[in-house]
Amino acid sequence: MGILRTIVIIMLVYYVFKIVARYAFPFFIKRFMGKMENKFREQQGFNKEEEVNVGETVIDKTPNNKTSNNNVGEYVDYEEVE
């Protein structure tokens, strides 16, 4: 009688674990992946406020700096070889 009771308890625990795992594990996996996504976005510097809508054009203009650096290098004249 004791062996039969042990087998029934083991089977009940197995099926309860199977049912709980079917619903609980996906919830925990989604939560874990969401946290990892947020960490990734923070590391990459993405903010939800700065997200651009699909199809929207954003133009970032740089200031017009008319200064040139004359110490860039030496000009070398060359001939084109045919």
N, C-alpha and C. Protein backbone atom coordinates (compact mmCIF):
# COMPACT_ATOMS: atom_id res chain seq x y z
N MET A 1 0.82 -1.19 0.00
CA MET A 1 0.00 0.00 0.00
C MET A 1 0.87 1.26 0.00
N GLY A 2 2.02 1.20 0.67
CA GLY A 2 2.93 2.35 0.75
C GLY A 2 3.56 2.69 -0.59
N ILE A 3 3.89 1.67 -1.39
CA ILE A 3 4.50 1.89 -2.70
C ILE A 3 3.48 2.53 -3.65
N LEU A 4 2.24 2.05 -3.60
CA LEU A 4 1.19 2.60 -4.45
C LEU A 4 0.94 4.07 -4.12
N ARG A 5 0.93 4.40 -2.83
CA ARG A 5 0.75 5.78 -2.39
C ARG A 5 1.90 6.66 -2.89
N THR A 6 3.11 6.18 -2.82
CA THR A 6 4.29 6.93 -3.27
C THR A 6 4.23 7.17 -4.78
N ILE A 7 3.85 6.17 -5.52
CA ILE A 7 3.74 6.31 -6.98
C ILE A 7 2.67 7.34 -7.34
N VAL A 8 1.53 7.33 -6.65
CA VAL A 8 0.46 8.30 -6.91
C VAL A 8 0.93 9.71 -6.58
N ILE A 9 1.63 9.89 -5.49
CA ILE A 9 2.15 11.21 -5.11
C ILE A 9 3.15 11.71 -6.15
N ILE A 10 4.03 10.84 -6.59
CA ILE A 10 5.02 11.22 -7.61
C ILE A 10 4.32 11.62 -8.90
N MET A 11 3.31 10.87 -9.30
CA MET A 11 2.57 11.21 -10.52
C MET A 11 1.83 12.53 -10.37
N LEU A 12 1.22 12.78 -9.22
CA LEU A 12 0.52 14.05 -8.99
C LEU A 12 1.50 15.22 -9.04
N VAL A 13 2.64 15.07 -8.39
CA VAL A 13 3.65 16.14 -8.41
C VAL A 13 4.12 16.37 -9.84
N TYR A 14 4.33 15.33 -10.61
CA TYR A 14 4.78 15.46 -11.99
C TYR A 14 3.76 16.24 -12.83
N TYR A 15 2.47 15.86 -12.73
CA TYR A 15 1.44 16.52 -13.54
C TYR A 15 1.19 17.96 -13.09
N VAL A 16 1.24 18.21 -11.78
CA VAL A 16 1.09 19.58 -11.30
C VAL A 16 2.25 20.43 -11.79
N PHE A 17 3.46 19.91 -11.73
CA PHE A 17 4.63 20.64 -12.22
C PHE A 17 4.51 20.91 -13.72
N LYS A 18 4.00 19.93 -14.45
CA LYS A 18 3.84 20.07 -15.89
C LYS A 18 2.84 21.18 -16.23
N ILE A 19 1.72 21.23 -15.50
CA ILE A 19 0.70 22.24 -15.75
C ILE A 19 1.21 23.62 -15.34
N VAL A 20 1.85 23.72 -14.20
CA VAL A 20 2.38 25.01 -13.74
C VAL A 20 3.47 25.50 -14.69
N ALA A 21 4.31 24.60 -15.14
CA ALA A 21 5.39 24.99 -16.05
C ALA A 21 4.85 25.51 -17.37
N ARG A 22 3.75 24.98 -17.83
CA ARG A 22 3.17 25.41 -19.10
C ARG A 22 2.74 26.87 -19.06
N TYR A 23 2.29 27.34 -17.89
CA TYR A 23 1.80 28.72 -17.78
C TYR A 23 2.78 29.66 -17.09
N ALA A 24 3.53 29.18 -16.14
CA ALA A 24 4.40 30.05 -15.35
C ALA A 24 5.73 30.34 -16.06
N PHE A 25 6.34 29.36 -16.68
CA PHE A 25 7.64 29.57 -17.30
C PHE A 25 7.60 30.59 -18.42
N PRO A 26 6.60 30.57 -19.32
CA PRO A 26 6.56 31.62 -20.35
C PRO A 26 6.45 33.02 -19.76
N PHE A 27 5.69 33.15 -18.67
CA PHE A 27 5.58 34.44 -18.01
C PHE A 27 6.94 34.92 -17.51
N PHE A 28 7.67 34.04 -16.84
CA PHE A 28 8.98 34.42 -16.31
C PHE A 28 9.99 34.66 -17.43
N ILE A 29 9.92 33.91 -18.50
CA ILE A 29 10.83 34.11 -19.63
C ILE A 29 10.56 35.46 -20.29
N LYS A 30 9.29 35.83 -20.51
CA LYS A 30 8.96 37.12 -21.09
C LYS A 30 9.44 38.26 -20.20
N ARG A 31 9.25 38.11 -18.91
CA ARG A 31 9.70 39.13 -17.97
C ARG A 31 11.22 39.27 -18.00
N PHE A 32 11.92 38.16 -18.00
CA PHE A 32 13.38 38.18 -18.05
C PHE A 32 13.88 38.81 -19.35
N MET A 33 13.26 38.45 -20.48
CA MET A 33 13.68 39.02 -21.77
C MET A 33 13.38 40.52 -21.83
N GLY A 34 12.28 40.95 -21.23
CA GLY A 34 11.97 42.38 -21.19
C GLY A 34 13.02 43.16 -20.41
N LYS A 35 13.45 42.60 -19.29
CA LYS A 35 14.50 43.25 -18.51
C LYS A 35 15.81 43.31 -19.28
N MET A 36 16.14 42.23 -19.96
CA MET A 36 17.38 42.21 -20.75
C MET A 36 17.30 43.22 -21.89
N GLU A 37 16.13 43.36 -22.52
CA GLU A 37 15.96 44.32 -23.59
C GLU A 37 16.14 45.75 -23.07
N ASN A 38 15.58 46.03 -21.89
CA ASN A 38 15.73 47.35 -21.31
C ASN A 38 17.19 47.65 -20.98
N LYS A 39 17.92 46.67 -20.46
CA LYS A 39 19.34 46.85 -20.18
C LYS A 39 20.11 47.13 -21.47
N PHE A 40 19.78 46.39 -22.52
CA PHE A 40 20.45 46.59 -23.80
C PHE A 40 20.19 47.99 -24.32
N ARG A 41 18.93 48.41 -24.25
CA ARG A 41 18.58 49.76 -24.73
C ARG A 41 19.30 50.84 -23.93
N GLU A 42 19.43 50.65 -22.63
CA GLU A 42 20.14 51.62 -21.80
C GLU A 42 21.61 51.66 -22.18
N GLN A 43 22.22 50.51 -22.41
CA GLN A 43 23.63 50.46 -22.77
C GLN A 43 23.88 51.09 -24.12
N GLN A 44 22.95 50.93 -25.05
CA GLN A 44 23.12 51.47 -26.39
C GLN A 44 22.68 52.92 -26.48
N GLY A 45 22.06 53.46 -25.45
CA GLY A 45 21.66 54.85 -25.45
C GLY A 45 20.32 55.10 -26.11
N PHE A 46 19.50 54.09 -26.25
CA PHE A 46 18.17 54.27 -26.83
C PHE A 46 17.21 54.69 -25.74
N ASN A 47 16.37 55.65 -26.06
CA ASN A 47 15.30 56.05 -25.15
C ASN A 47 13.99 55.95 -25.89
N LYS A 48 12.94 55.58 -25.19
CA LYS A 48 11.64 55.45 -25.84
C LYS A 48 11.13 56.81 -26.29
N GLU A 49 11.51 57.88 -25.58
CA GLU A 49 11.04 59.20 -25.97
C GLU A 49 11.67 59.64 -27.29
N GLU A 50 12.85 59.14 -27.60
CA GLU A 50 13.57 59.56 -28.78
C GLU A 50 13.30 58.68 -30.00
N GLU A 51 12.46 57.68 -29.84
CA GLU A 51 12.20 56.80 -30.97
C GLU A 51 11.49 57.56 -32.07
N VAL A 52 11.89 57.31 -33.30
CA VAL A 52 11.31 57.97 -34.45
C VAL A 52 10.24 57.06 -35.04
N ASN A 53 9.12 57.65 -35.41
CA ASN A 53 8.06 56.86 -36.02
C ASN A 53 8.53 56.35 -37.39
N VAL A 54 8.03 55.21 -37.78
CA VAL A 54 8.40 54.63 -39.06
C VAL A 54 7.88 55.53 -40.17
N GLY A 55 8.76 55.88 -41.10
CA GLY A 55 8.39 56.73 -42.22
C GLY A 55 8.62 58.20 -41.96
N GLU A 56 8.94 58.57 -40.73
CA GLU A 56 9.17 59.97 -40.40
C GLU A 56 10.62 60.32 -40.70
N THR A 57 10.82 61.46 -41.33
CA THR A 57 12.16 61.90 -41.68
C THR A 57 12.66 62.91 -40.66
N VAL A 58 13.84 62.68 -40.14
CA VAL A 58 14.43 63.58 -39.17
C VAL A 58 15.75 64.07 -39.74
N ILE A 59 15.93 65.40 -39.76
CA ILE A 59 17.16 65.98 -40.28
C ILE A 59 17.85 66.70 -39.13
N ASP A 60 19.05 66.26 -38.82
CA ASP A 60 19.87 66.93 -37.81
C ASP A 60 20.88 67.78 -38.54
N LYS A 61 20.77 69.09 -38.40
CA LYS A 61 21.69 69.99 -39.08
C LYS A 61 22.89 70.24 -38.19
N THR A 62 24.05 70.23 -38.82
CA THR A 62 25.26 70.57 -38.10
C THR A 62 25.56 72.03 -38.31
N PRO A 63 26.21 72.68 -37.37
CA PRO A 63 26.52 74.09 -37.55
C PRO A 63 27.51 74.29 -38.69
N ASN A 64 27.38 75.42 -39.38
CA ASN A 64 28.27 75.72 -40.50
C ASN A 64 29.58 76.29 -39.97
N ASN A 65 30.58 75.47 -39.94
CA ASN A 65 31.91 75.93 -39.53
C ASN A 65 32.72 76.20 -40.78
N LYS A 66 32.99 77.48 -41.04
CA LYS A 66 33.71 77.89 -42.24
C LYS A 66 35.22 77.86 -42.04
N THR A 67 35.65 77.47 -40.87
CA THR A 67 37.09 77.46 -40.62
C THR A 67 37.71 76.25 -41.29
N SER A 68 38.85 76.46 -41.89
CA SER A 68 39.57 75.36 -42.52
C SER A 68 40.91 75.21 -41.84
N ASN A 69 41.40 74.03 -41.87
CA ASN A 69 42.68 73.74 -41.25
C ASN A 69 43.74 73.68 -42.34
N ASN A 70 44.64 74.65 -42.38
CA ASN A 70 45.67 74.70 -43.40
C ASN A 70 46.80 73.72 -43.13
N ASN A 71 46.84 73.14 -41.98
CA ASN A 71 47.89 72.20 -41.62
C ASN A 71 47.48 70.76 -41.91
N VAL A 72 46.59 70.60 -42.88
CA VAL A 72 46.09 69.27 -43.17
C VAL A 72 47.16 68.42 -43.82
N GLY A 73 47.88 68.95 -44.74
CA GLY A 73 48.92 68.18 -45.40
C GLY A 73 49.47 68.94 -46.60
N GLU A 74 50.34 68.28 -47.32
CA GLU A 74 50.99 68.90 -48.46
C GLU A 74 50.27 68.46 -49.74
N TYR A 75 50.05 69.42 -50.64
CA TYR A 75 49.40 69.10 -51.91
C TYR A 75 50.45 68.49 -52.84
N VAL A 76 50.09 67.35 -53.43
CA VAL A 76 51.01 66.68 -54.35
C VAL A 76 50.36 66.63 -55.72
N ASP A 77 51.03 67.23 -56.70
CA ASP A 77 50.53 67.19 -58.06
C ASP A 77 50.85 65.82 -58.65
N TYR A 78 49.95 65.27 -59.42
CA TYR A 78 50.18 63.95 -59.99
C TYR A 78 49.77 63.93 -61.43
N GLU A 79 50.36 63.00 -62.15
CA GLU A 79 50.01 62.80 -63.55
C GLU A 79 49.25 61.50 -63.68
N GLU A 80 48.26 61.50 -64.53
CA GLU A 80 47.48 60.28 -64.74
C GLU A 80 48.23 59.40 -65.74
N VAL A 81 48.45 58.16 -65.40
CA VAL A 81 49.17 57.20 -66.23
C VAL A 81 48.16 56.38 -67.00
N GLU A 82 48.38 56.30 -68.32
CA GLU A 82 47.46 55.54 -69.15
C GLU A 82 47.95 54.14 -69.39
